[in-house]
N, C-alpha and C. Protein backbone atom coordinates (compact mmCIF):
# COMPACT_ATOMS: atom_id res chain seq x y z
N MET A 1 0.85 -1.19 0.00
CA MET A 1 0.00 0.00 0.00
C MET A 1 0.89 1.24 0.00
N ALA A 2 0.65 2.14 -0.90
CA ALA A 2 1.46 3.34 -1.04
C ALA A 2 1.10 4.35 0.03
N LYS A 3 2.10 5.09 0.43
CA LYS A 3 1.88 6.15 1.41
C LYS A 3 1.92 7.50 0.71
N GLY A 4 1.34 8.48 1.34
CA GLY A 4 1.42 9.83 0.79
C GLY A 4 0.05 10.40 0.50
N LEU A 5 0.04 11.48 -0.23
CA LEU A 5 -1.21 12.18 -0.52
C LEU A 5 -2.14 11.40 -1.42
N GLY A 6 -1.61 10.43 -2.15
CA GLY A 6 -2.44 9.65 -3.05
C GLY A 6 -3.55 8.90 -2.35
N ASN A 7 -3.37 8.56 -1.08
CA ASN A 7 -4.38 7.82 -0.34
C ASN A 7 -5.36 8.74 0.40
N ASN A 8 -5.12 10.01 0.37
CA ASN A 8 -5.94 10.96 1.10
C ASN A 8 -7.24 11.22 0.34
N PRO A 9 -8.40 10.94 0.96
CA PRO A 9 -9.66 11.20 0.25
C PRO A 9 -9.92 12.67 0.00
N LEU A 10 -9.18 13.54 0.71
CA LEU A 10 -9.36 14.98 0.52
C LEU A 10 -8.39 15.54 -0.51
N ALA A 11 -7.58 14.68 -1.10
CA ALA A 11 -6.60 15.15 -2.06
C ALA A 11 -7.30 15.84 -3.22
N GLY A 12 -6.61 16.76 -3.78
CA GLY A 12 -7.19 17.50 -4.91
C GLY A 12 -7.63 18.86 -4.45
N ASP A 13 -8.86 19.20 -4.78
CA ASP A 13 -9.37 20.54 -4.51
C ASP A 13 -9.44 20.85 -3.01
N GLU A 14 -9.73 19.88 -2.18
CA GLU A 14 -9.93 20.13 -0.76
C GLU A 14 -8.62 20.21 0.03
N LEU A 15 -7.56 19.59 -0.48
CA LEU A 15 -6.31 19.57 0.27
C LEU A 15 -5.63 20.93 0.24
N ILE A 16 -5.61 21.55 -0.91
CA ILE A 16 -4.98 22.86 -1.05
C ILE A 16 -6.04 23.82 -1.54
N ARG A 17 -6.36 24.78 -0.71
CA ARG A 17 -7.40 25.75 -1.06
C ARG A 17 -6.75 27.11 -1.29
N SER A 18 -7.37 27.88 -2.13
CA SER A 18 -6.86 29.24 -2.35
C SER A 18 -7.23 30.10 -1.15
N THR A 19 -6.40 31.08 -0.88
CA THR A 19 -6.65 31.98 0.23
C THR A 19 -7.18 33.29 -0.29
N GLU A 20 -7.60 34.15 0.63
CA GLU A 20 -8.07 35.46 0.22
C GLU A 20 -6.90 36.25 -0.34
N PRO A 21 -7.15 37.05 -1.37
CA PRO A 21 -6.04 37.84 -1.92
C PRO A 21 -5.55 38.87 -0.92
N MET A 22 -4.28 39.18 -1.00
CA MET A 22 -3.68 40.19 -0.13
C MET A 22 -4.21 41.56 -0.56
N PRO A 23 -4.49 42.45 0.40
CA PRO A 23 -4.94 43.79 0.01
C PRO A 23 -3.81 44.55 -0.67
N ALA A 24 -4.18 45.41 -1.60
CA ALA A 24 -3.18 46.22 -2.28
C ALA A 24 -2.54 47.18 -1.28
N ARG A 25 -1.35 47.62 -1.58
CA ARG A 25 -0.67 48.55 -0.68
C ARG A 25 -1.54 49.78 -0.46
N GLY A 26 -1.60 50.21 0.79
CA GLY A 26 -2.39 51.38 1.13
C GLY A 26 -3.81 51.05 1.52
N GLN A 27 -4.28 49.84 1.21
CA GLN A 27 -5.63 49.45 1.62
C GLN A 27 -5.60 48.92 3.04
N ALA A 28 -6.67 49.16 3.77
CA ALA A 28 -6.76 48.67 5.14
C ALA A 28 -6.89 47.16 5.15
N GLN A 29 -6.22 46.54 6.11
CA GLN A 29 -6.32 45.10 6.27
C GLN A 29 -7.39 44.80 7.31
N LYS A 30 -7.86 43.54 7.32
CA LYS A 30 -8.84 43.12 8.32
C LYS A 30 -8.21 43.19 9.70
N ALA A 31 -8.99 43.65 10.66
CA ALA A 31 -8.51 43.70 12.04
C ALA A 31 -8.42 42.29 12.59
N PRO A 32 -7.43 42.02 13.45
CA PRO A 32 -7.35 40.69 14.06
C PRO A 32 -8.55 40.43 14.96
N SER A 33 -8.82 39.17 15.21
CA SER A 33 -10.00 38.79 15.98
C SER A 33 -9.96 39.35 17.41
N LEU A 34 -8.76 39.52 17.98
CA LEU A 34 -8.68 40.08 19.33
C LEU A 34 -9.22 41.50 19.36
N ALA A 35 -8.98 42.26 18.30
CA ALA A 35 -9.44 43.65 18.28
C ALA A 35 -10.96 43.73 18.27
N THR A 36 -11.62 42.78 17.64
CA THR A 36 -13.07 42.83 17.58
C THR A 36 -13.70 42.53 18.94
N SER A 37 -12.97 41.84 19.82
CA SER A 37 -13.51 41.54 21.14
C SER A 37 -13.12 42.59 22.17
N GLY A 38 -12.37 43.59 21.75
CA GLY A 38 -11.93 44.63 22.68
C GLY A 38 -10.65 44.27 23.39
N ALA A 39 -10.10 43.10 23.15
CA ALA A 39 -8.86 42.69 23.79
C ALA A 39 -7.67 43.24 23.02
N VAL A 40 -6.61 43.52 23.73
CA VAL A 40 -5.37 44.01 23.14
C VAL A 40 -4.26 43.05 23.55
N ALA A 41 -3.50 42.57 22.59
CA ALA A 41 -2.41 41.65 22.89
C ALA A 41 -1.24 42.41 23.53
N LYS A 42 -0.70 41.85 24.59
CA LYS A 42 0.48 42.40 25.28
C LYS A 42 1.49 41.29 25.43
N SER A 43 2.73 41.65 25.44
CA SER A 43 3.79 40.67 25.64
C SER A 43 4.62 41.13 26.83
N ILE A 44 4.81 40.22 27.80
CA ILE A 44 5.61 40.56 28.97
C ILE A 44 6.66 39.48 29.19
N GLN A 45 7.68 39.84 29.92
CA GLN A 45 8.70 38.87 30.31
C GLN A 45 8.74 38.84 31.82
N ILE A 46 8.75 37.63 32.38
CA ILE A 46 8.83 37.46 33.83
C ILE A 46 9.98 36.52 34.14
N ASP A 47 10.51 36.62 35.35
CA ASP A 47 11.62 35.74 35.70
C ASP A 47 11.12 34.32 35.92
N SER A 48 12.04 33.38 35.91
CA SER A 48 11.66 31.97 35.95
C SER A 48 10.98 31.59 37.27
N LEU A 49 11.36 32.20 38.39
CA LEU A 49 10.72 31.89 39.66
C LEU A 49 9.26 32.34 39.65
N LEU A 50 9.00 33.55 39.17
CA LEU A 50 7.62 34.03 39.08
C LEU A 50 6.82 33.17 38.10
N ASN A 51 7.43 32.78 37.02
CA ASN A 51 6.76 31.92 36.05
C ASN A 51 6.36 30.59 36.69
N GLU A 52 7.25 30.00 37.46
CA GLU A 52 6.96 28.72 38.10
C GLU A 52 5.84 28.87 39.13
N ARG A 53 5.86 29.96 39.90
CA ARG A 53 4.80 30.20 40.88
C ARG A 53 3.46 30.37 40.19
N LEU A 54 3.44 31.14 39.09
CA LEU A 54 2.21 31.35 38.32
C LEU A 54 1.71 30.03 37.75
N ARG A 55 2.61 29.25 37.18
CA ARG A 55 2.24 27.96 36.59
C ARG A 55 1.62 27.04 37.63
N LYS A 56 2.26 26.94 38.80
CA LYS A 56 1.77 26.06 39.86
C LYS A 56 0.43 26.54 40.40
N TYR A 57 0.32 27.85 40.68
CA TYR A 57 -0.94 28.39 41.17
C TYR A 57 -2.07 28.12 40.18
N SER A 58 -1.82 28.39 38.91
CA SER A 58 -2.84 28.20 37.88
C SER A 58 -3.26 26.75 37.79
N PHE A 59 -2.29 25.85 37.82
CA PHE A 59 -2.60 24.42 37.75
C PHE A 59 -3.40 23.98 38.96
N ASP A 60 -2.93 24.34 40.16
CA ASP A 60 -3.60 23.93 41.39
C ASP A 60 -5.04 24.44 41.49
N ASN A 61 -5.28 25.63 40.93
CA ASN A 61 -6.61 26.24 41.00
C ASN A 61 -7.40 26.07 39.70
N ARG A 62 -6.87 25.30 38.79
CA ARG A 62 -7.52 25.03 37.51
C ARG A 62 -7.98 26.31 36.82
N ARG A 63 -7.04 27.25 36.73
CA ARG A 63 -7.31 28.53 36.06
C ARG A 63 -6.25 28.76 35.00
N LYS A 64 -6.60 29.48 33.99
CA LYS A 64 -5.63 29.82 32.95
C LYS A 64 -4.69 30.89 33.49
N GLU A 65 -3.43 30.77 33.12
CA GLU A 65 -2.44 31.74 33.58
C GLU A 65 -2.82 33.16 33.18
N VAL A 66 -3.31 33.34 31.97
CA VAL A 66 -3.67 34.68 31.51
C VAL A 66 -4.78 35.28 32.37
N GLN A 67 -5.72 34.46 32.83
CA GLN A 67 -6.79 34.99 33.67
C GLN A 67 -6.28 35.37 35.05
N VAL A 68 -5.34 34.61 35.58
CA VAL A 68 -4.72 34.96 36.86
C VAL A 68 -4.01 36.30 36.73
N ILE A 69 -3.27 36.48 35.64
CA ILE A 69 -2.56 37.75 35.41
C ILE A 69 -3.54 38.90 35.28
N ARG A 70 -4.62 38.71 34.51
CA ARG A 70 -5.62 39.77 34.35
C ARG A 70 -6.24 40.16 35.69
N ASP A 71 -6.63 39.15 36.48
CA ASP A 71 -7.26 39.43 37.77
C ASP A 71 -6.31 40.17 38.70
N ALA A 72 -5.05 39.73 38.73
CA ALA A 72 -4.06 40.39 39.59
C ALA A 72 -3.82 41.83 39.16
N LEU A 73 -3.78 42.07 37.86
CA LEU A 73 -3.56 43.42 37.35
C LEU A 73 -4.76 44.31 37.64
N HIS A 74 -5.99 43.78 37.49
CA HIS A 74 -7.19 44.54 37.84
C HIS A 74 -7.15 44.94 39.32
N LYS A 75 -6.82 43.99 40.18
CA LYS A 75 -6.78 44.26 41.62
C LYS A 75 -5.71 45.31 41.95
N TYR A 76 -4.52 45.15 41.37
CA TYR A 76 -3.43 46.08 41.63
C TYR A 76 -3.80 47.50 41.18
N LEU A 77 -4.34 47.64 39.98
CA LEU A 77 -4.69 48.96 39.48
C LEU A 77 -5.83 49.59 40.29
N ALA A 78 -6.77 48.79 40.75
CA ALA A 78 -7.84 49.32 41.60
C ALA A 78 -7.26 49.84 42.92
N GLU A 79 -6.32 49.09 43.49
CA GLU A 79 -5.69 49.53 44.74
C GLU A 79 -4.89 50.82 44.53
N MET A 80 -4.37 51.03 43.34
CA MET A 80 -3.60 52.25 43.01
C MET A 80 -4.51 53.40 42.62
N GLY A 81 -5.82 53.14 42.57
CA GLY A 81 -6.77 54.20 42.25
C GLY A 81 -7.06 54.35 40.76
N TYR A 82 -6.76 53.34 39.98
CA TYR A 82 -7.02 53.41 38.54
C TYR A 82 -8.09 52.45 38.12
């Protein structure tokens, strides 16, 4: 029995589909899905000890790390008067 795409029932039109054309230069691009929900992507760096504490807390409490960070930041900013 041969291996490869030849055995794939989706081979042909369904395996490789055309994508939406790229917008011409100067045209607005579609906003990312995060922007439509009001969320803004942020990137932070934390030390390995803080990362391990966050990971363990999140696992033990069955919560996503990002939600723990959001809740902590909301609490901190409220305490600072923001």
